[in-house]
Structures are given as structure tokens and as C-alpha cells.
């Protein structure tokens, strides 16, 4: 069986975060438990496209909301007229745990805007850099991260 790999990628926050625009019709709010089911559905959809996995709703929500690095102000949720279309879930350690954009909202700059929002907030918190991990074969995500100044730090096997 072939081993899967991921890349740890990093954005230096000493660099200027460019001004960004939110796509038309998007409202940004922070996560609250009432959004758990909708956020979880979006993550399941995103993982189907980008690889990886998400636990069942109750387990995911319990783990997420009780994690020592959880801060609802670091979980950015994008809404359109139909509901949740984007999530950027970050930890207090300046780590982006998840970034997911609904297929109906892709190609509009929403993923880029969510990442820029995270970079801006972590700059305000005086963090030096932001990290994330991305599956090696998720080329669309890797291109996005590279286009906003993230660099590959190191390659590692995906934990089983």
C-alpha cells in the first residue's frame, strides 16, 4: 500500500497582508454551536473533493468545541443567501486546521478571502507565522496557498 504524504506550509506574517475584497453576497460570522451541523456538512463535502476525513457530527463537534486550542473567534464562517459556503477553522497556535469552500462558491475568491482574514487576525495577535497542512496530491489547494505567499516547509507522511 502506498503511503500518503502532506506538506506543512507556512506564511510569514512579517509580510504585508494585501487588502482583499469579499465576494458579493458573502457575510462573515464566527462559529457558534448552532452552526455545527451546517459546518460539518460542508466539511464532509470538502473532504470528499480534497481528500482526508471528518468524524461523525457529534464526535467532530465535541472534539472541536472542547479542544484546548479552540476559540470561536478563530473559526470564520462565510454565509450566502443559501447558508454556509465557507469555513476557515483555526487554532490558537496560529494553525489553520481546515479550509473548505462549497462548490457553488468556488472560483469567486472566497478561499483566498478566508485565508487573508485568518492572516490579518493572527497578525493582530502578534503571531510570527501561520501554518497549515495540505495533502500532497491536493494540487488546487497547494496552488492557492502558494499564490498567497505560503511556502512548503517540509513533507511528512499522513498520520494513520
N, C-alpha and C. Protein backbone atom coordinates (compact mmCIF):
# COMPACT_ATOMS: atom_id res chain seq x y z
N UNK A 1 0.85 -1.18 0.00
CA UNK A 1 0.00 0.00 0.00
C UNK A 1 0.89 1.24 0.00
N UNK A 2 0.63 2.17 -0.89
CA UNK A 2 1.41 3.40 -1.00
C UNK A 2 1.09 4.32 0.18
N UNK A 3 2.12 4.98 0.67
CA UNK A 3 1.94 5.90 1.77
C UNK A 3 1.54 7.27 1.22
N UNK A 4 0.58 7.92 1.89
CA UNK A 4 0.18 9.27 1.51
C UNK A 4 1.03 10.29 2.26
N UNK A 5 1.28 11.42 1.61
CA UNK A 5 2.09 12.48 2.21
C UNK A 5 1.34 13.80 2.22
N UNK A 6 1.75 14.65 3.13
CA UNK A 6 1.23 16.01 3.18
C UNK A 6 2.39 16.98 3.34
N UNK A 7 2.10 18.23 3.06
CA UNK A 7 3.09 19.29 3.21
C UNK A 7 2.67 20.21 4.35
N UNK A 8 3.63 20.55 5.21
CA UNK A 8 3.43 21.64 6.15
C UNK A 8 3.79 22.90 5.39
N UNK A 9 2.86 23.84 5.35
CA UNK A 9 3.10 25.10 4.64
C UNK A 9 2.99 26.25 5.65
N UNK A 10 3.72 27.33 5.37
CA UNK A 10 3.82 28.43 6.32
C UNK A 10 3.73 29.77 5.59
N UNK A 11 3.08 30.74 6.26
CA UNK A 11 3.01 32.13 5.77
C UNK A 11 3.65 33.01 6.83
N UNK A 12 4.69 33.73 6.44
CA UNK A 12 5.38 34.67 7.31
C UNK A 12 4.49 35.90 7.49
N UNK A 13 4.13 36.21 8.72
CA UNK A 13 3.23 37.33 8.98
C UNK A 13 3.96 38.67 9.10
N UNK A 14 5.29 38.66 8.97
CA UNK A 14 6.03 39.92 8.90
C UNK A 14 5.76 40.58 7.55
N UNK A 15 5.35 39.78 6.57
CA UNK A 15 5.00 40.32 5.25
C UNK A 15 3.61 40.96 5.31
N UNK A 16 3.42 41.97 4.49
CA UNK A 16 2.14 42.67 4.44
C UNK A 16 1.05 41.73 3.93
N UNK A 17 -0.09 41.76 4.58
CA UNK A 17 -1.26 41.02 4.09
C UNK A 17 -2.01 41.97 3.17
N UNK A 18 -2.13 41.61 1.89
CA UNK A 18 -2.80 42.52 0.94
C UNK A 18 -4.25 42.78 1.33
N UNK A 19 -4.73 43.95 0.94
CA UNK A 19 -6.15 44.27 1.12
C UNK A 19 -6.94 43.31 0.23
N UNK A 20 -8.04 42.82 0.73
CA UNK A 20 -8.83 41.85 -0.03
C UNK A 20 -10.29 42.23 0.03
N UNK A 21 -11.02 41.77 -0.97
CA UNK A 21 -12.47 42.00 -1.04
C UNK A 21 -13.19 40.68 -0.84
N UNK A 22 -14.32 40.75 -0.16
CA UNK A 22 -15.17 39.57 -0.02
C UNK A 22 -16.03 39.45 -1.27
N UNK A 23 -16.25 38.23 -1.73
CA UNK A 23 -17.16 38.06 -2.87
C UNK A 23 -18.54 38.64 -2.56
N UNK A 24 -19.21 39.08 -3.59
CA UNK A 24 -20.53 39.67 -3.45
C UNK A 24 -21.50 38.70 -2.76
N UNK A 25 -22.28 39.23 -1.84
CA UNK A 25 -23.31 38.44 -1.17
C UNK A 25 -22.82 37.58 -0.03
N UNK A 26 -21.56 37.72 0.37
CA UNK A 26 -20.99 36.90 1.44
C UNK A 26 -21.01 37.68 2.75
N UNK A 27 -21.46 37.02 3.79
CA UNK A 27 -21.43 37.57 5.15
C UNK A 27 -20.48 36.72 5.98
N UNK A 28 -19.59 37.33 6.74
CA UNK A 28 -18.64 36.61 7.58
C UNK A 28 -19.11 36.68 9.02
N UNK A 29 -19.19 35.51 9.67
CA UNK A 29 -19.54 35.43 11.09
C UNK A 29 -18.59 34.46 11.76
N UNK A 30 -18.58 34.46 13.10
CA UNK A 30 -17.76 33.48 13.80
C UNK A 30 -18.61 32.26 14.13
N UNK A 31 -17.93 31.15 14.31
CA UNK A 31 -18.60 29.89 14.62
C UNK A 31 -19.37 29.97 15.93
N UNK A 32 -20.51 29.33 15.97
CA UNK A 32 -21.26 29.09 17.20
C UNK A 32 -21.82 27.68 17.10
N UNK A 33 -22.08 27.01 18.23
CA UNK A 33 -22.54 25.62 18.20
C UNK A 33 -23.77 25.37 17.33
N UNK A 34 -24.63 26.38 17.20
CA UNK A 34 -25.83 26.22 16.36
C UNK A 34 -25.48 26.00 14.89
N UNK A 35 -24.29 26.41 14.49
CA UNK A 35 -23.84 26.22 13.11
C UNK A 35 -23.14 24.88 12.90
N UNK A 36 -22.97 24.12 13.97
CA UNK A 36 -22.19 22.88 13.91
C UNK A 36 -22.62 21.94 12.80
N UNK A 37 -23.90 21.69 12.68
CA UNK A 37 -24.37 20.74 11.67
C UNK A 37 -24.08 21.22 10.25
N UNK A 38 -24.33 22.49 9.98
CA UNK A 38 -24.09 23.04 8.64
C UNK A 38 -22.59 23.07 8.32
N UNK A 39 -21.77 23.44 9.29
CA UNK A 39 -20.31 23.46 9.09
C UNK A 39 -19.81 22.04 8.85
N UNK A 40 -20.30 21.10 9.62
CA UNK A 40 -19.89 19.70 9.46
C UNK A 40 -20.25 19.17 8.08
N UNK A 41 -21.47 19.48 7.60
CA UNK A 41 -21.89 19.05 6.26
C UNK A 41 -20.94 19.60 5.20
N UNK A 42 -20.56 20.88 5.34
CA UNK A 42 -19.64 21.48 4.38
C UNK A 42 -18.28 20.79 4.45
N UNK A 43 -17.80 20.49 5.64
CA UNK A 43 -16.50 19.81 5.76
C UNK A 43 -16.55 18.42 5.13
N UNK A 44 -17.64 17.70 5.33
CA UNK A 44 -17.77 16.38 4.68
C UNK A 44 -17.69 16.53 3.16
N UNK A 45 -18.39 17.52 2.63
CA UNK A 45 -18.38 17.77 1.19
C UNK A 45 -16.97 18.13 0.72
N UNK A 46 -16.31 18.99 1.44
CA UNK A 46 -14.97 19.41 1.08
C UNK A 46 -13.96 18.28 1.13
N UNK A 47 -14.06 17.43 2.12
CA UNK A 47 -13.13 16.32 2.25
C UNK A 47 -13.33 15.30 1.13
N UNK A 48 -14.56 15.16 0.64
CA UNK A 48 -14.79 14.26 -0.49
C UNK A 48 -14.00 14.72 -1.71
N UNK A 49 -13.93 16.04 -1.89
CA UNK A 49 -13.21 16.59 -3.04
C UNK A 49 -11.70 16.67 -2.83
N UNK A 50 -11.28 17.02 -1.61
CA UNK A 50 -9.87 17.30 -1.36
C UNK A 50 -9.11 16.21 -0.64
N UNK A 51 -9.78 15.13 -0.28
CA UNK A 51 -9.12 14.07 0.47
C UNK A 51 -9.23 14.33 1.96
N UNK A 52 -8.86 13.36 2.73
CA UNK A 52 -8.96 13.46 4.19
C UNK A 52 -10.29 12.92 4.67
N UNK A 53 -10.55 13.18 5.93
CA UNK A 53 -11.78 12.64 6.53
C UNK A 53 -12.21 13.53 7.69
N UNK A 54 -13.47 13.43 8.02
CA UNK A 54 -14.03 14.16 9.15
C UNK A 54 -14.87 13.17 9.96
N UNK A 55 -14.74 13.17 11.29
CA UNK A 55 -15.54 12.25 12.12
C UNK A 55 -17.03 12.56 12.02
N UNK A 56 -17.85 11.66 12.53
CA UNK A 56 -19.30 11.87 12.59
C UNK A 56 -19.60 13.17 13.35
N UNK A 57 -20.75 13.76 13.09
CA UNK A 57 -21.11 15.08 13.61
C UNK A 57 -20.89 15.22 15.11
N UNK A 58 -21.49 14.38 15.91
CA UNK A 58 -21.40 14.55 17.37
C UNK A 58 -19.95 14.47 17.85
N UNK A 59 -19.22 13.52 17.31
CA UNK A 59 -17.82 13.36 17.71
C UNK A 59 -16.98 14.56 17.24
N UNK A 60 -17.20 14.98 15.98
CA UNK A 60 -16.47 16.13 15.46
C UNK A 60 -16.75 17.36 16.31
N UNK A 61 -18.03 17.66 16.57
CA UNK A 61 -18.39 18.86 17.30
C UNK A 61 -17.84 18.83 18.73
N UNK A 62 -17.91 17.69 19.38
CA UNK A 62 -17.39 17.59 20.75
C UNK A 62 -15.88 17.81 20.76
N UNK A 63 -15.17 17.17 19.83
CA UNK A 63 -13.71 17.34 19.76
C UNK A 63 -13.34 18.78 19.44
N UNK A 64 -14.04 19.35 18.48
CA UNK A 64 -13.74 20.71 18.04
C UNK A 64 -13.97 21.72 19.16
N UNK A 65 -15.15 21.68 19.77
CA UNK A 65 -15.53 22.70 20.74
C UNK A 65 -14.85 22.54 22.09
N UNK A 66 -14.23 21.39 22.36
CA UNK A 66 -13.53 21.20 23.64
C UNK A 66 -12.01 21.16 23.47
N UNK A 67 -11.52 21.33 22.26
CA UNK A 67 -10.08 21.33 22.04
C UNK A 67 -9.46 22.51 22.79
N UNK A 68 -8.31 22.31 23.44
CA UNK A 68 -7.68 23.40 24.18
C UNK A 68 -7.31 24.60 23.29
N UNK A 69 -7.17 24.40 21.99
CA UNK A 69 -6.83 25.49 21.07
C UNK A 69 -8.05 26.12 20.41
N UNK A 70 -9.24 25.71 20.82
CA UNK A 70 -10.47 26.23 20.23
C UNK A 70 -10.74 27.65 20.71
N UNK A 71 -11.07 28.51 19.76
CA UNK A 71 -11.52 29.86 20.04
C UNK A 71 -12.51 30.19 18.92
N UNK A 72 -13.80 30.36 19.25
CA UNK A 72 -14.78 30.61 18.18
C UNK A 72 -14.44 31.83 17.33
N UNK A 73 -13.70 32.78 17.88
CA UNK A 73 -13.30 33.97 17.11
C UNK A 73 -12.28 33.62 16.03
N UNK A 74 -11.73 32.40 16.08
CA UNK A 74 -10.76 31.95 15.07
C UNK A 74 -11.37 30.92 14.11
N UNK A 75 -12.67 30.80 14.13
CA UNK A 75 -13.36 29.93 13.17
C UNK A 75 -14.27 30.84 12.35
N UNK A 76 -13.81 31.15 11.14
CA UNK A 76 -14.51 32.09 10.28
C UNK A 76 -15.48 31.33 9.39
N UNK A 77 -16.74 31.74 9.44
CA UNK A 77 -17.80 31.07 8.68
C UNK A 77 -18.38 32.08 7.69
N UNK A 78 -18.38 31.69 6.41
CA UNK A 78 -18.92 32.53 5.35
C UNK A 78 -20.31 32.02 4.97
N UNK A 79 -21.25 32.95 4.90
CA UNK A 79 -22.63 32.63 4.54
C UNK A 79 -23.01 33.35 3.27
N UNK A 80 -23.85 32.69 2.46
CA UNK A 80 -24.51 33.37 1.37
C UNK A 80 -26.01 33.22 1.61
N UNK A 81 -26.82 33.57 0.64
CA UNK A 81 -28.28 33.52 0.82
C UNK A 81 -28.80 32.12 1.11
N UNK A 82 -28.03 31.09 0.70
CA UNK A 82 -28.48 29.70 0.89
C UNK A 82 -27.90 29.03 2.13
N UNK A 83 -26.93 29.65 2.79
CA UNK A 83 -26.36 29.06 4.00
C UNK A 83 -24.84 29.11 4.03
N UNK A 84 -24.24 28.17 4.74
CA UNK A 84 -22.79 28.13 4.94
C UNK A 84 -22.11 27.73 3.63
N UNK A 85 -21.19 28.58 3.15
CA UNK A 85 -20.46 28.29 1.91
C UNK A 85 -18.95 28.26 2.10
N UNK A 86 -18.48 28.62 3.29
CA UNK A 86 -17.05 28.59 3.52
C UNK A 86 -16.74 28.57 5.00
N UNK A 87 -15.65 27.86 5.32
CA UNK A 87 -15.19 27.78 6.71
C UNK A 87 -13.67 27.80 6.71
N UNK A 88 -13.11 28.61 7.59
CA UNK A 88 -11.68 28.59 7.87
C UNK A 88 -11.55 28.42 9.37
N UNK A 89 -11.23 27.20 9.78
CA UNK A 89 -11.14 26.83 11.20
C UNK A 89 -9.68 26.90 11.62
N UNK A 90 -9.38 27.78 12.57
CA UNK A 90 -8.01 27.97 13.03
C UNK A 90 -7.88 27.64 14.51
N UNK A 91 -6.69 27.30 14.90
CA UNK A 91 -6.36 27.05 16.31
C UNK A 91 -5.59 28.25 16.86
N UNK A 92 -5.54 28.38 18.17
CA UNK A 92 -4.86 29.49 18.81
C UNK A 92 -3.35 29.47 18.59
N UNK A 93 -2.81 28.36 18.15
CA UNK A 93 -1.36 28.24 17.86
C UNK A 93 -1.01 28.79 16.48
N UNK A 94 -1.89 29.57 15.88
CA UNK A 94 -1.69 30.13 14.54
C UNK A 94 -1.58 29.01 13.51
N UNK A 95 -2.50 28.07 13.62
CA UNK A 95 -2.55 26.92 12.72
C UNK A 95 -3.93 26.87 12.08
N UNK A 96 -3.96 26.75 10.76
CA UNK A 96 -5.23 26.62 10.04
C UNK A 96 -5.55 25.14 9.95
N UNK A 97 -6.55 24.73 10.69
CA UNK A 97 -6.92 23.31 10.78
C UNK A 97 -7.71 22.87 9.54
N UNK A 98 -8.62 23.71 9.09
CA UNK A 98 -9.47 23.37 7.95
C UNK A 98 -9.82 24.62 7.15
N UNK A 99 -9.84 24.46 5.84
CA UNK A 99 -10.36 25.49 4.94
C UNK A 99 -11.21 24.75 3.92
N UNK A 100 -12.49 25.11 3.87
CA UNK A 100 -13.41 24.44 2.94
C UNK A 100 -14.31 25.50 2.31
N UNK A 101 -14.47 25.40 0.99
CA UNK A 101 -15.39 26.27 0.25
C UNK A 101 -16.36 25.38 -0.52
N UNK A 102 -17.64 25.69 -0.40
CA UNK A 102 -18.69 24.93 -1.09
C UNK A 102 -18.48 25.05 -2.60
N UNK A 103 -18.75 23.96 -3.35
CA UNK A 103 -18.58 24.02 -4.81
C UNK A 103 -19.32 25.18 -5.48
N UNK A 104 -20.49 25.57 -4.96
CA UNK A 104 -21.24 26.66 -5.60
C UNK A 104 -20.57 28.02 -5.41
N UNK A 105 -19.60 28.09 -4.47
CA UNK A 105 -18.94 29.37 -4.20
C UNK A 105 -17.48 29.39 -4.65
N UNK A 106 -17.03 28.32 -5.29
CA UNK A 106 -15.63 28.26 -5.72
C UNK A 106 -15.41 29.16 -6.93
N UNK A 107 -14.16 29.61 -7.08
CA UNK A 107 -13.79 30.45 -8.21
C UNK A 107 -14.15 31.91 -8.05
N UNK A 108 -14.60 32.29 -6.84
CA UNK A 108 -15.00 33.68 -6.60
C UNK A 108 -14.03 34.40 -5.65
N UNK A 109 -13.00 33.70 -5.19
CA UNK A 109 -12.05 34.32 -4.27
C UNK A 109 -12.39 34.15 -2.80
N UNK A 110 -13.36 33.30 -2.49
CA UNK A 110 -13.77 33.11 -1.10
C UNK A 110 -12.69 32.43 -0.27
N UNK A 111 -12.06 31.39 -0.80
CA UNK A 111 -10.98 30.72 -0.07
C UNK A 111 -9.84 31.69 0.23
N UNK A 112 -9.47 32.47 -0.75
CA UNK A 112 -8.42 33.49 -0.59
C UNK A 112 -8.82 34.50 0.49
N UNK A 113 -10.06 34.98 0.45
CA UNK A 113 -10.54 35.97 1.43
C UNK A 113 -10.54 35.38 2.84
N UNK A 114 -10.97 34.14 2.99
CA UNK A 114 -10.96 33.50 4.31
C UNK A 114 -9.53 33.38 4.85
N UNK A 115 -8.60 33.00 3.98
CA UNK A 115 -7.20 32.90 4.41
C UNK A 115 -6.65 34.27 4.78
N UNK A 116 -6.93 35.29 4.00
CA UNK A 116 -6.46 36.63 4.30
C UNK A 116 -7.04 37.13 5.63
N UNK A 117 -8.29 36.78 5.89
CA UNK A 117 -8.91 37.13 7.17
C UNK A 117 -8.13 36.47 8.32
N UNK A 118 -7.80 35.19 8.16
CA UNK A 118 -7.03 34.49 9.19
C UNK A 118 -5.66 35.14 9.37
N UNK A 119 -4.98 35.46 8.27
CA UNK A 119 -3.66 36.10 8.37
C UNK A 119 -3.75 37.43 9.11
N UNK A 120 -4.77 38.22 8.79
CA UNK A 120 -4.95 39.53 9.42
C UNK A 120 -5.18 39.39 10.92
N UNK A 121 -6.04 38.46 11.30
CA UNK A 121 -6.33 38.26 12.73
C UNK A 121 -5.08 37.78 13.47
N UNK A 122 -4.34 36.86 12.87
CA UNK A 122 -3.13 36.38 13.54
C UNK A 122 -2.05 37.47 13.60
N UNK A 123 -1.98 38.33 12.61
CA UNK A 123 -1.08 39.49 12.70
C UNK A 123 -1.47 40.38 13.87
N UNK A 124 -2.77 40.62 14.02
CA UNK A 124 -3.25 41.45 15.13
C UNK A 124 -2.93 40.82 16.48
N UNK A 125 -2.86 39.50 16.51
CA UNK A 125 -2.50 38.77 17.74
C UNK A 125 -0.98 38.65 17.91
N UNK A 126 -0.25 39.29 17.01
CA UNK A 126 1.22 39.35 17.05
C UNK A 126 1.89 37.99 16.87
N UNK A 127 1.29 37.15 16.06
CA UNK A 127 1.91 35.86 15.71
C UNK A 127 2.96 36.12 14.62
N UNK A 128 3.99 35.30 14.58
CA UNK A 128 5.04 35.46 13.59
C UNK A 128 4.75 34.79 12.26
N UNK A 129 3.96 33.71 12.31
CA UNK A 129 3.64 32.99 11.09
C UNK A 129 2.38 32.16 11.31
N UNK A 130 1.82 31.67 10.21
CA UNK A 130 0.65 30.78 10.23
C UNK A 130 1.04 29.52 9.47
N UNK A 131 0.67 28.37 10.02
CA UNK A 131 0.93 27.07 9.40
C UNK A 131 -0.37 26.38 9.02
N UNK A 132 -0.25 25.45 8.09
CA UNK A 132 -1.32 24.52 7.76
C UNK A 132 -0.69 23.29 7.12
N UNK A 133 -1.46 22.22 7.04
CA UNK A 133 -1.02 21.03 6.32
C UNK A 133 -1.99 20.78 5.18
N UNK A 134 -1.43 20.31 4.06
CA UNK A 134 -2.23 20.03 2.88
C UNK A 134 -1.76 18.71 2.28
N UNK A 135 -2.70 17.90 1.85
CA UNK A 135 -2.33 16.64 1.21
C UNK A 135 -1.52 16.94 -0.05
N UNK A 136 -0.50 16.15 -0.25
CA UNK A 136 0.41 16.37 -1.37
C UNK A 136 -0.30 16.38 -2.72
N UNK A 137 -1.32 15.54 -2.87
CA UNK A 137 -2.00 15.45 -4.16
C UNK A 137 -3.16 16.45 -4.32
N UNK A 138 -3.37 17.32 -3.34
CA UNK A 138 -4.41 18.34 -3.44
C UNK A 138 -3.81 19.58 -4.11
N UNK A 139 -3.61 19.47 -5.42
CA UNK A 139 -2.90 20.50 -6.16
C UNK A 139 -3.63 21.83 -6.21
N UNK A 140 -4.96 21.80 -6.28
CA UNK A 140 -5.73 23.05 -6.31
C UNK A 140 -5.48 23.85 -5.03
N UNK A 141 -5.52 23.18 -3.88
CA UNK A 141 -5.28 23.87 -2.61
C UNK A 141 -3.84 24.35 -2.51
N UNK A 142 -2.90 23.52 -2.93
CA UNK A 142 -1.49 23.93 -2.86
C UNK A 142 -1.22 25.17 -3.72
N UNK A 143 -1.83 25.22 -4.90
CA UNK A 143 -1.66 26.40 -5.76
C UNK A 143 -2.22 27.66 -5.08
N UNK A 144 -3.38 27.52 -4.45
CA UNK A 144 -3.97 28.66 -3.73
C UNK A 144 -3.02 29.13 -2.64
N UNK A 145 -2.52 28.21 -1.83
CA UNK A 145 -1.66 28.57 -0.70
C UNK A 145 -0.37 29.23 -1.20
N UNK A 146 0.20 28.70 -2.25
CA UNK A 146 1.43 29.29 -2.80
C UNK A 146 1.16 30.69 -3.35
N UNK A 147 -0.02 30.90 -3.95
CA UNK A 147 -0.35 32.19 -4.55
C UNK A 147 -0.52 33.30 -3.51
N UNK A 148 -0.73 32.93 -2.26
CA UNK A 148 -0.89 33.95 -1.21
C UNK A 148 0.32 33.99 -0.28
N UNK A 149 1.43 33.45 -0.76
CA UNK A 149 2.69 33.60 -0.04
C UNK A 149 3.05 32.50 0.93
N UNK A 150 2.34 31.38 0.89
CA UNK A 150 2.71 30.27 1.77
C UNK A 150 3.81 29.46 1.09
N UNK A 151 4.73 28.97 1.90
CA UNK A 151 5.86 28.19 1.40
C UNK A 151 5.85 26.80 2.02
N UNK A 152 6.30 25.84 1.24
CA UNK A 152 6.42 24.48 1.77
C UNK A 152 7.58 24.43 2.74
N UNK A 153 7.31 23.91 3.94
CA UNK A 153 8.32 23.81 4.99
C UNK A 153 8.92 22.41 5.01
N UNK A 154 8.04 21.40 5.07
CA UNK A 154 8.52 20.03 4.96
C UNK A 154 7.39 19.07 4.63
N UNK A 155 7.79 17.94 4.08
CA UNK A 155 6.89 16.87 3.65
C UNK A 155 6.91 15.79 4.72
N UNK A 156 5.74 15.24 5.01
CA UNK A 156 5.65 14.19 6.03
C UNK A 156 4.54 13.21 5.69
N UNK A 157 4.67 11.97 6.19
CA UNK A 157 3.60 11.01 5.96
C UNK A 157 2.30 11.45 6.65
N UNK A 158 1.18 11.14 6.04
CA UNK A 158 -0.10 11.45 6.65
C UNK A 158 -0.31 10.47 7.81
N UNK A 159 -0.63 10.99 9.00
CA UNK A 159 -0.88 10.08 10.13
C UNK A 159 -2.04 9.14 9.82
N UNK A 160 -1.92 7.93 10.27
CA UNK A 160 -2.97 6.93 10.04
C UNK A 160 -4.05 7.04 11.07
